[in-house]
Amino acid sequence: MFFCIHKFLKLIFLLFFTTFLLSGCGGGFKLPGGDAKKNPPNAADRVAKNLEEGRGFRLNDLTKKSGGGNFEFATSNELWRASLDVIDFMPLASANYSGGILITDWYSDGRNQNESIKINIRFLSNEIRSDALDVDIFYKTCDANSNCVIEKKESELQQEIIKQVLQKATVYKNQLKEKDFVPYPKIKN
């Protein structure tokens, strides 16, 4: 009995002491949010501001199933779409939008069965510019005994792929502008 009362008193003292310490931190301890100077008083204005800044969530996002992620954005990224179009003749080994990489499987055009290529495209930025892509081309050469040598080489093909991707991405971006696409519509008061 004495042991239970002793534990209970320790718990009460701990809660009281913690409350006392937290209430004494009024000068340095501030809850986020509540600054009226930085936040508009109108609720619709706050919602619009939060959407512009990328904060908050929408209730319909909670009802969506989260099996495997949301890939709707991948279709609106011009560089991603253009890259897929440029290398569509090659089989893909891996396409990871969130990781920003496309990897093709080994490909041979049929003229020389002992030679094949593999293309890796890494996305360094979503902006349409020449340094937004890193394209690596690997060449595999095999002899009659199936001994293969794989080399990464700089070539004209690498520059041609970058050029074609940038051209297609620019066309896609212009088509998007012509449609007056608005990803987040403005909320009217």
Foldseek 3Di string as FASTA:
>chain_A
DVVVVVVVVVVVVVVVVVVVVVVVCVPPDDDPDDDPVVAPPDPLRNVLVCVVVVDDDDPVVVVDDQPPHDCPVCVVQLLNVQLCVLCVVFAWPDDDVVQQKTKTDWDDPPPDPQKTKIKMWGAQDSDLDLVRIDIWMKMWGADPVRDIDIDIDDDVVRVVSSVSSSVRSVVSVVVCVVVVDDPDDRDDD
